[in-house]
Amino acid sequence: MQHPRFLTFAVAATAVASSALLAQETSGPFGLHRGMTQAQVIQIVGRNAVKEIQGDRLDLHDVPKPHPAFEFYWLVFSPKDGLLNIVAFGNGIRTNGFGEAVHDSFVQIQEGISKTYGPPDVSSDRVRDGSIWNEPQDWMMGLLKGERDLMAIWYKTVFSTKKLPNRITGIVLEAKASSTEQGFLVLKYEFDGWNEYVEAKNNKTDSVF
């Protein structure tokens, strides 16, 4: 028979481990975590923070832990698995044709993300082959035309041992342009189960044919 003192220690150790896991699961990006329901999020942020509800997507002006660089958010919920996707849209960034302010803001946010998740697995800062917008002063025009990429990607694959916390499977930071004088950032988080959710939605849509 195991000594009661060891049983008590085992129970305490299990409780500590469970608390640590719960703390990690509930300390995800912007104070959100996988599995939350729409109702839970709305209860936290309040009805005034809700911009729109479109089926499985909840559009918010605010989140539990906002960042000043972002002004609104899209959250996608699976009826079965809860929150699976977060998209944060950045504030407008006034800049010049060289895109200096946009690029600086991108680097700043990338460095902030890297403090939590490590350096990105993939990064791209290039103009696409064949683009006529390949001069330094054409930087924003290339971005506007979709012929320039500025992005960083963090991801977990079945072929790597890398593990992202909070059941996150992918993070993408991108720079976008709304004009040649204004850009913004988009930050996306995907959680475990997102690909299956998208596949199920596509299959349902295709079933009408």
Foldseek 3Di string as FASTA:
>chain_A
DDDVVVVVVVVVVVVVVVVVQVVLLQCDPLRDAKQDAPVNFCVQVDPVQFPDDDPQKTKGQHGNRDDQQFGIKIWGADPVTGTFKIKTKGDKDFDALLCPRLVVVLVVVQVVVCVQQNHFPDFFFAFAPPDPQHDSSNRLVSQAVVRTWGKGKHADDPPDPRDHTRQWGMKMKTKHHPDSGIIIIMIMIGGPCPVVRVVVVVVVVVVVD
